[in-house]
Amino acid sequence: MRIFIWRHSKRFSSWSMLDEPHIHKENYLDADVSVLAASKEEALALLAQDNAWNIDELMRIEPEVVELDTPCIVQSHLSFQ
């Protein structure tokens, strides 16, 4: 099993970034989702069941992948305003 982490921020997006992904169906500033699954495809299938995540847009972003067989930092995130 692995943890797949997708993160996207629109905090600094502008008109020059018209092709920027929109990974959640709600309008957001920062979005992230972490899924425990055996494969990226399984993680995306689980997210598709939620019906809140835009799977096609998530596929444009390569997720962080955390292997569960060795000690590691699972996730860290900083946000400064």
PDB file of N, CA and C in Angstrom:
ATOM      1  N   MET A   1       0.845  -1.184   0.000  1.00  0.00           N
ATOM      2  CA  MET A   1       0.000   0.000   0.000  1.00  0.00           C
ATOM      3  C   MET A   1       0.890   1.248   0.000  1.00  0.00           C
ATOM      4  N   ARG A   2       0.324   2.300  -0.520  1.00  0.00           N
ATOM      5  CA  ARG A   2       1.011   3.594  -0.605  1.00  0.00           C
ATOM      6  C   ARG A   2       0.018   4.702  -0.263  1.00  0.00           C
ATOM      7  N   ILE A   3       0.554   5.846   0.095  1.00  0.00           N
ATOM      8  CA  ILE A   3      -0.269   7.043   0.262  1.00  0.00           C
ATOM      9  C   ILE A   3       0.010   7.938  -0.935  1.00  0.00           C
ATOM     10  N   PHE A   4      -1.045   8.319  -1.630  1.00  0.00           N
ATOM     11  CA  PHE A   4      -0.954   9.225  -2.780  1.00  0.00           C
ATOM     12  C   PHE A   4      -1.485  10.583  -2.334  1.00  0.00           C
ATOM     13  N   ILE A   5      -0.679  11.621  -2.528  1.00  0.00           N
ATOM     14  CA  ILE A   5      -1.044  12.968  -2.077  1.00  0.00           C
ATOM     15  C   ILE A   5      -1.074  13.907  -3.269  1.00  0.00           C
ATOM     16  N   TRP A   6      -2.249  14.476  -3.513  1.00  0.00           N
ATOM     17  CA  TRP A   6      -2.389  15.510  -4.537  1.00  0.00           C
ATOM     18  C   TRP A   6      -2.597  16.829  -3.821  1.00  0.00           C
ATOM     19  N   ARG A   7      -1.888  17.855  -4.283  1.00  0.00           N
ATOM     20  CA  ARG A   7      -2.025  19.186  -3.693  1.00  0.00           C
ATOM     21  C   ARG A   7      -2.013  20.209  -4.814  1.00  0.00           C
ATOM     22  N   HIS A   8      -2.904  21.191  -4.695  1.00  0.00           N
ATOM     23  CA  HIS A   8      -2.934  22.254  -5.702  1.00  0.00           C
ATOM     24  C   HIS A   8      -3.347  23.563  -5.039  1.00  0.00           C
ATOM     25  N   SER A   9      -2.716  24.625  -5.437  1.00  0.00           N
ATOM     26  CA  SER A   9      -3.033  25.947  -4.913  1.00  0.00           C
ATOM     27  C   SER A   9      -3.350  26.896  -6.065  1.00  0.00           C
ATOM     28  N   LYS A  10      -4.412  27.653  -5.893  1.00  0.00           N
ATOM     29  CA  LYS A  10      -4.751  28.697  -6.865  1.00  0.00           C
ATOM     30  C   LYS A  10      -4.487  30.074  -6.269  1.00  0.00           C
ATOM     31  N   ARG A  11      -3.772  30.105  -5.178  1.00  0.00           N
ATOM     32  CA  ARG A  11      -3.518  31.346  -4.446  1.00  0.00           C
ATOM     33  C   ARG A  11      -2.872  32.411  -5.327  1.00  0.00           C
ATOM     34  N   PHE A  12      -1.970  32.011  -6.209  1.00  0.00           N
ATOM     35  CA  PHE A  12      -1.258  32.981  -7.040  1.00  0.00           C
ATOM     36  C   PHE A  12      -1.608  32.850  -8.513  1.00  0.00           C
ATOM     37  N   SER A  13      -2.737  32.230  -8.816  1.00  0.00           N
ATOM     38  CA  SER A  13      -3.073  32.075 -10.229  1.00  0.00           C
ATOM     39  C   SER A  13      -3.530  33.406 -10.814  1.00  0.00           C
ATOM     40  N   SER A  14      -3.339  33.521 -12.113  1.00  0.00           N
ATOM     41  CA  SER A  14      -3.712  34.756 -12.806  1.00  0.00           C
ATOM     42  C   SER A  14      -4.263  34.386 -14.181  1.00  0.00           C
ATOM     43  N   TRP A  15      -4.650  35.386 -14.942  1.00  0.00           N
ATOM     44  CA  TRP A  15      -5.189  35.125 -16.283  1.00  0.00           C
ATOM     45  C   TRP A  15      -4.165  34.444 -17.182  1.00  0.00           C
ATOM     46  N   SER A  16      -2.885  34.605 -16.873  1.00  0.00           N
ATOM     47  CA  SER A  16      -1.864  33.956 -17.690  1.00  0.00           C
ATOM     48  C   SER A  16      -1.812  32.444 -17.438  1.00  0.00           C
ATOM     49  N   MET A  17      -2.552  31.976 -16.456  1.00  0.00           N
ATOM     50  CA  MET A  17      -2.552  30.556 -16.106  1.00  0.00           C
ATOM     51  C   MET A  17      -3.920  29.930 -16.410  1.00  0.00           C
ATOM     52  N   LEU A  18      -4.454  30.216 -17.583  1.00  0.00           N
ATOM     53  CA  LEU A  18      -5.807  29.764 -17.923  1.00  0.00           C
ATOM     54  C   LEU A  18      -5.941  28.250 -17.973  1.00  0.00           C
ATOM     55  N   ASP A  19      -4.855  27.551 -18.211  1.00  0.00           N
ATOM     56  CA  ASP A  19      -4.919  26.096 -18.310  1.00  0.00           C
ATOM     57  C   ASP A  19      -4.577  25.424 -16.975  1.00  0.00           C
ATOM     58  N   GLU A  20      -4.654  26.162 -15.898  1.00  0.00           N
ATOM     59  CA  GLU A  20      -4.357  25.644 -14.566  1.00  0.00           C
ATOM     60  C   GLU A  20      -5.391  24.588 -14.176  1.00  0.00           C
ATOM     61  N   PRO A  21      -4.971  23.472 -13.553  1.00  0.00           N
ATOM     62  CA  PRO A  21      -5.943  22.445 -13.144  1.00  0.00           C
ATOM     63  C   PRO A  21      -6.930  22.974 -12.105  1.00  0.00           C
ATOM     64  N   HIS A  22      -8.094  22.390 -12.079  1.00  0.00           N
ATOM     65  CA  HIS A  22      -9.113  22.703 -11.069  1.00  0.00           C
ATOM     66  C   HIS A  22      -9.545  21.351 -10.501  1.00  0.00           C
ATOM     67  N   ILE A  23      -8.904  20.917  -9.385  1.00  0.00           N
ATOM     68  CA  ILE A  23      -9.018  19.527  -8.950  1.00  0.00           C
ATOM     69  C   ILE A  23     -10.259  19.202  -8.122  1.00  0.00           C
ATOM     70  N   HIS A  24     -10.961  20.216  -7.628  1.00  0.00           N
ATOM     71  CA  HIS A  24     -12.167  19.974  -6.815  1.00  0.00           C
ATOM     72  C   HIS A  24     -13.337  20.687  -7.452  1.00  0.00           C
ATOM     73  N   LYS A  25     -14.522  20.137  -7.262  1.00  0.00           N
ATOM     74  CA  LYS A  25     -15.704  20.722  -7.912  1.00  0.00           C
ATOM     75  C   LYS A  25     -16.131  22.045  -7.293  1.00  0.00           C
ATOM     76  N   GLU A  26     -15.743  22.301  -6.043  1.00  0.00           N
ATOM     77  CA  GLU A  26     -16.025  23.592  -5.409  1.00  0.00           C
ATOM     78  C   GLU A  26     -14.914  24.574  -5.777  1.00  0.00           C
ATOM     79  N   ASN A  27     -15.213  25.847  -5.628  1.00  0.00           N
ATOM     80  CA  ASN A  27     -14.193  26.859  -5.860  1.00  0.00           C
ATOM     81  C   ASN A  27     -13.292  26.894  -4.625  1.00  0.00           C
ATOM     82  N   TYR A  28     -12.003  26.711  -4.792  1.00  0.00           N
ATOM     83  CA  TYR A  28     -11.082  26.609  -3.670  1.00  0.00           C
ATOM     84  C   TYR A  28      -9.882  27.507  -3.881  1.00  0.00           C
ATOM     85  N   LEU A  29      -9.175  27.749  -2.793  1.00  0.00           N
ATOM     86  CA  LEU A  29      -7.914  28.463  -2.857  1.00  0.00           C
ATOM     87  C   LEU A  29      -6.755  27.465  -2.767  1.00  0.00           C
ATOM     88  N   ASP A  30      -6.842  26.556  -1.807  1.00  0.00           N
ATOM     89  CA  ASP A  30      -5.874  25.478  -1.657  1.00  0.00           C
ATOM     90  C   ASP A  30      -6.651  24.182  -1.483  1.00  0.00           C
ATOM     91  N   ALA A  31      -6.217  23.145  -2.147  1.00  0.00           N
ATOM     92  CA  ALA A  31      -6.874  21.844  -2.018  1.00  0.00           C
ATOM     93  C   ALA A  31      -5.815  20.762  -1.946  1.00  0.00           C
ATOM     94  N   ASP A  32      -6.029  19.809  -1.048  1.00  0.00           N
ATOM     95  CA  ASP A  32      -5.182  18.627  -1.049  1.00  0.00           C
ATOM     96  C   ASP A  32      -5.998  17.428  -0.598  1.00  0.00           C
ATOM     97  N   VAL A  33      -5.591  16.279  -1.091  1.00  0.00           N
ATOM     98  CA  VAL A  33      -6.261  15.036  -0.739  1.00  0.00           C
ATOM     99  C   VAL A  33      -5.205  13.949  -0.662  1.00  0.00           C
ATOM    100  N   SER A  34      -5.334  13.093   0.351  1.00  0.00           N
ATOM    101  CA  SER A  34      -4.415  11.974   0.549  1.00  0.00           C
ATOM    102  C   SER A  34      -5.225  10.689   0.534  1.00  0.00           C
ATOM    103  N   VAL A  35      -4.751   9.707  -0.216  1.00  0.00           N
ATOM    104  CA  VAL A  35      -5.486   8.457  -0.390  1.00  0.00           C
ATOM    105  C   VAL A  35      -4.553   7.280  -0.137  1.00  0.00           C
ATOM    106  N   LEU A  36      -5.007   6.331   0.653  1.00  0.00           N
ATOM    107  CA  LEU A  36      -4.272   5.088   0.877  1.00  0.00           C
ATOM    108  C   LEU A  36      -4.778   4.068  -0.128  1.00  0.00           C
ATOM    109  N   ALA A  37      -3.876   3.589  -0.988  1.00  0.00           N
ATOM    110  CA  ALA A  37      -4.279   2.649  -2.045  1.00  0.00           C
ATOM    111  C   ALA A  37      -3.066   1.864  -2.520  1.00  0.00           C
ATOM    112  N   ALA A  38      -3.324   0.797  -3.247  1.00  0.00           N
ATOM    113  CA  ALA A  38      -2.236  -0.036  -3.785  1.00  0.00           C
ATOM    114  C   ALA A  38      -1.626   0.571  -5.043  1.00  0.00           C
ATOM    115  N   SER A  39      -2.401   1.384  -5.775  1.00  0.00           N
ATOM    116  CA  SER A  39      -1.904   1.972  -7.020  1.00  0.00           C
ATOM    117  C   SER A  39      -2.538   3.345  -7.227  1.00  0.00           C
ATOM    118  N   LYS A  40      -1.947   4.099  -8.130  1.00  0.00           N
ATOM    119  CA  LYS A  40      -2.495   5.416  -8.477  1.00  0.00           C
ATOM    120  C   LYS A  40      -3.895   5.262  -9.071  1.00  0.00           C
ATOM    121  N   GLU A  41      -4.089   4.241  -9.882  1.00  0.00           N
ATOM    122  CA  GLU A  41      -5.398   4.003 -10.498  1.00  0.00           C
ATOM    123  C   GLU A  41      -6.461   3.708  -9.443  1.00  0.00           C
ATOM    124  N   GLU A  42      -6.096   2.912  -8.434  1.00  0.00           N
ATOM    125  CA  GLU A  42      -7.032   2.614  -7.348  1.00  0.00           C
ATOM    126  C   GLU A  42      -7.347   3.870  -6.544  1.00  0.00           C
ATOM    127  N   ALA A  43      -6.341   4.700  -6.307  1.00  0.00           N
ATOM    128  CA  ALA A  43      -6.551   5.961  -5.578  1.00  0.00           C
ATOM    129  C   ALA A  43      -7.522   6.859  -6.341  1.00  0.00           C
ATOM    130  N   LEU A  44      -7.328   6.975  -7.641  1.00  0.00           N
ATOM    131  CA  LEU A  44      -8.230   7.801  -8.450  1.00  0.00           C
ATOM    132  C   LEU A  44      -9.646   7.222  -8.473  1.00  0.00           C
ATOM    133  N   ALA A  45      -9.766   5.895  -8.493  1.00  0.00           N
ATOM    134  CA  ALA A  45     -11.087   5.257  -8.472  1.00  0.00           C
ATOM    135  C   ALA A  45     -11.802   5.547  -7.159  1.00  0.00           C
ATOM    136  N   LEU A  46     -11.073   5.527  -6.050  1.00  0.00           N
ATOM    137  CA  LEU A  46     -11.678   5.871  -4.756  1.00  0.00           C
ATOM    138  C   LEU A  46     -12.148   7.320  -4.739  1.00  0.00           C
ATOM    139  N   LEU A  47     -11.335   8.214  -5.296  1.00  0.00           N
ATOM    140  CA  LEU A  47     -11.723   9.626  -5.355  1.00  0.00           C
ATOM    141  C   LEU A  47     -12.929   9.831  -6.263  1.00  0.00           C
ATOM    142  N   ALA A  48     -13.035   9.051  -7.313  1.00  0.00           N
ATOM    143  CA  ALA A  48     -14.181   9.167  -8.224  1.00  0.00           C
ATOM    144  C   ALA A  48     -15.483   8.813  -7.501  1.00  0.00           C
ATOM    145  N   GLN A  49     -15.424   7.907  -6.534  1.00  0.00           N
ATOM    146  CA  GLN A  49     -16.617   7.537  -5.764  1.00  0.00           C
ATOM    147  C   GLN A  49     -17.106   8.691  -4.911  1.00  0.00           C
ATOM    148  N   ASP A  50     -16.197   9.574  -4.507  1.00  0.00           N
ATOM    149  CA  ASP A  50     -16.544  10.730  -3.674  1.00  0.00           C
ATOM    150  C   ASP A  50     -17.376  11.745  -4.451  1.00  0.00           C
ATOM    151  N   ASN A  51     -17.164  11.831  -5.748  1.00  0.00           N
ATOM    152  CA  ASN A  51     -17.897  12.723  -6.643  1.00  0.00           C
ATOM    153  C   ASN A  51     -17.648  14.209  -6.373  1.00  0.00           C
ATOM    154  N   ALA A  52     -16.608  14.531  -5.615  1.00  0.00           N
ATOM    155  CA  ALA A  52     -16.277  15.938  -5.370  1.00  0.00           C
ATOM    156  C   ALA A  52     -14.978  16.337  -6.060  1.00  0.00           C
ATOM    157  N   TRP A  53     -14.210  15.338  -6.479  1.00  0.00           N
ATOM    158  CA  TRP A  53     -12.902  15.594  -7.073  1.00  0.00           C
ATOM    159  C   TRP A  53     -12.970  15.422  -8.574  1.00  0.00           C
ATOM    160  N   ASN A  54     -12.315  16.315  -9.303  1.00  0.00           N
ATOM    161  CA  ASN A  54     -12.251  16.248 -10.770  1.00  0.00           C
ATOM    162  C   ASN A  54     -11.110  15.318 -11.166  1.00  0.00           C
ATOM    163  N   ILE A  55     -11.446  14.094 -11.491  1.00  0.00           N
ATOM    164  CA  ILE A  55     -10.451  13.063 -11.758  1.00  0.00           C
ATOM    165  C   ILE A  55      -9.577  13.420 -12.962  1.00  0.00           C
ATOM    166  N   ASP A  56     -10.174  13.926 -14.026  1.00  0.00           N
ATOM    167  CA  ASP A  56      -9.381  14.309 -15.204  1.00  0.00           C
ATOM    168  C   ASP A  56      -8.342  15.366 -14.856  1.00  0.00           C
ATOM    169  N   GLU A  57      -8.700  16.280 -13.973  1.00  0.00           N
ATOM    170  CA  GLU A  57      -7.766  17.328 -13.564  1.00  0.00           C
ATOM    171  C   GLU A  57      -6.695  16.762 -12.634  1.00  0.00           C
ATOM    172  N   LEU A  58      -7.072  15.857 -11.738  1.00  0.00           N
ATOM    173  CA  LEU A  58      -6.088  15.225 -10.860  1.00  0.00           C
ATOM    174  C   LEU A  58      -5.061  14.443 -11.663  1.00  0.00           C
ATOM    175  N   MET A  59      -5.487  13.865 -12.772  1.00  0.00           N
ATOM    176  CA  MET A  59      -4.572  13.091 -13.609  1.00  0.00           C
ATOM    177  C   MET A  59      -3.494  13.974 -14.248  1.00  0.00           C
ATOM    178  N   ARG A  60      -3.727  15.267 -14.303  1.00  0.00           N
ATOM    179  CA  ARG A  60      -2.730  16.192 -14.856  1.00  0.00           C
ATOM    180  C   ARG A  60      -1.605  16.489 -13.862  1.00  0.00           C
ATOM    181  N   ILE A  61      -1.837  16.175 -12.605  1.00  0.00           N
ATOM    182  CA  ILE A  61      -0.859  16.454 -11.553  1.00  0.00           C
ATOM    183  C   ILE A  61      -0.264  15.136 -11.074  1.00  0.00           C
ATOM    184  N   GLU A  62       1.035  15.056 -10.996  1.00  0.00           N
ATOM    185  CA  GLU A  62       1.682  13.857 -10.472  1.00  0.00           C
ATOM    186  C   GLU A  62       1.638  13.924  -8.939  1.00  0.00           C
ATOM    187  N   PRO A  63       1.044  12.931  -8.297  1.00  0.00           N
ATOM    188  CA  PRO A  63       0.940  12.987  -6.834  1.00  0.00           C
ATOM    189  C   PRO A  63       2.271  12.662  -6.162  1.00  0.00           C
ATOM    190  N   GLU A  64       2.419  13.136  -4.933  1.00  0.00           N
ATOM    191  CA  GLU A  64       3.501  12.631  -4.091  1.00  0.00           C
ATOM    192  C   GLU A  64       3.104  11.213  -3.715  1.00  0.00           C
ATOM    193  N   VAL A  65       4.052  10.304  -3.697  1.00  0.00           N
ATOM    194  CA  VAL A  65       3.765   8.924  -3.336  1.00  0.00           C
ATOM    195  C   VAL A  65       4.628   8.559  -2.135  1.00  0.00           C
ATOM    196  N   VAL A  66       3.965   8.103  -1.082  1.00  0.00           N
ATOM    197  CA  VAL A  66       4.659   7.702   0.133  1.00  0.00           C
ATOM    198  C   VAL A  66       4.560   6.187   0.259  1.00  0.00           C
ATOM    199  N   GLU A  67       5.707   5.531   0.236  1.00  0.00           N
ATOM    200  CA  GLU A  67       5.766   4.078   0.425  1.00  0.00           C
ATOM    201  C   GLU A  67       5.643   3.799   1.927  1.00  0.00           C
ATOM    202  N   LEU A  68       4.933   2.748   2.289  1.00  0.00           N
ATOM    203  CA  LEU A  68       4.691   2.464   3.697  1.00  0.00           C
ATOM    204  C   LEU A  68       5.629   1.413   4.282  1.00  0.00           C
ATOM    205  N   ASP A  69       6.686   1.067   3.567  1.00  0.00           N
ATOM    206  CA  ASP A  69       7.583   0.027   4.070  1.00  0.00           C
ATOM    207  C   ASP A  69       8.834   0.573   4.752  1.00  0.00           C
ATOM    208  N   THR A  70       9.021   1.899   4.740  1.00  0.00           N
ATOM    209  CA  THR A  70      10.165   2.507   5.425  1.00  0.00           C
ATOM    210  C   THR A  70       9.701   3.760   6.161  1.00  0.00           C
ATOM    211  N   PRO A  71      10.334   4.085   7.274  1.00  0.00           N
ATOM    212  CA  PRO A  71       9.970   5.301   8.002  1.00  0.00           C
ATOM    213  C   PRO A  71      10.223   6.540   7.136  1.00  0.00           C
ATOM    214  N   CYS A  72       9.313   7.493   7.203  1.00  0.00           N
ATOM    215  CA  CYS A  72       9.480   8.726   6.430  1.00  0.00           C
ATOM    216  C   CYS A  72       8.515   9.783   6.954  1.00  0.00           C
ATOM    217  N   ILE A  73       8.717  11.005   6.512  1.00  0.00           N
ATOM    218  CA  ILE A  73       7.756  12.074   6.781  1.00  0.00           C
ATOM    219  C   ILE A  73       6.638  11.898   5.780  1.00  0.00           C
ATOM    220  N   VAL A  74       5.421  11.732   6.266  1.00  0.00           N
ATOM    221  CA  VAL A  74       4.299  11.458   5.372  1.00  0.00           C
ATOM    222  C   VAL A  74       3.901  12.701   4.610  1.00  0.00           C
ATOM    223  N   GLN A  75       3.766  13.826   5.295  1.00  0.00           N
ATOM    224  CA  GLN A  75       3.346  15.036   4.613  1.00  0.00           C
ATOM    225  C   GLN A  75       3.767  16.237   5.435  1.00  0.00           C
ATOM    226  N   SER A  76       4.156  17.297   4.755  1.00  0.00           N
ATOM    227  CA  SER A  76       4.387  18.574   5.423  1.00  0.00           C
ATOM    228  C   SER A  76       3.853  19.660   4.498  1.00  0.00           C
ATOM    229  N   HIS A  77       3.319  20.686   5.098  1.00  0.00           N
ATOM    230  CA  HIS A  77       2.720  21.761   4.317  1.00  0.00           C
ATOM    231  C   HIS A  77       2.845  23.060   5.086  1.00  0.00           C
ATOM    232  N   LEU A  78       3.319  24.090   4.432  1.00  0.00           N
ATOM    233  CA  LEU A  78       3.410  25.419   5.019  1.00  0.00           C
ATOM    234  C   LEU A  78       2.638  26.390   4.171  1.00  0.00           C
ATOM    235  N   SER A  79       1.950  27.300   4.826  1.00  0.00           N
ATOM    236  CA  SER A  79       1.213  28.332   4.101  1.00  0.00           C
ATOM    237  C   SER A  79       1.426  29.651   4.801  1.00  0.00           C
ATOM    238  N   PHE A  80       1.985  30.596   4.097  1.00  0.00           N
ATOM    239  CA  PHE A  80       2.221  31.925   4.650  1.00  0.00           C
ATOM    240  C   PHE A  80       1.383  32.923   3.874  1.00  0.00           C
ATOM    241  N   GLN A  81       0.718  33.792   4.589  1.00  0.00           N
ATOM    242  CA  GLN A  81      -0.141  34.773   3.913  1.00  0.00           C
ATOM    243  C   GLN A  81       0.456  36.136   3.992  1.00  0.00           C
TER     244      GLN A  81
END
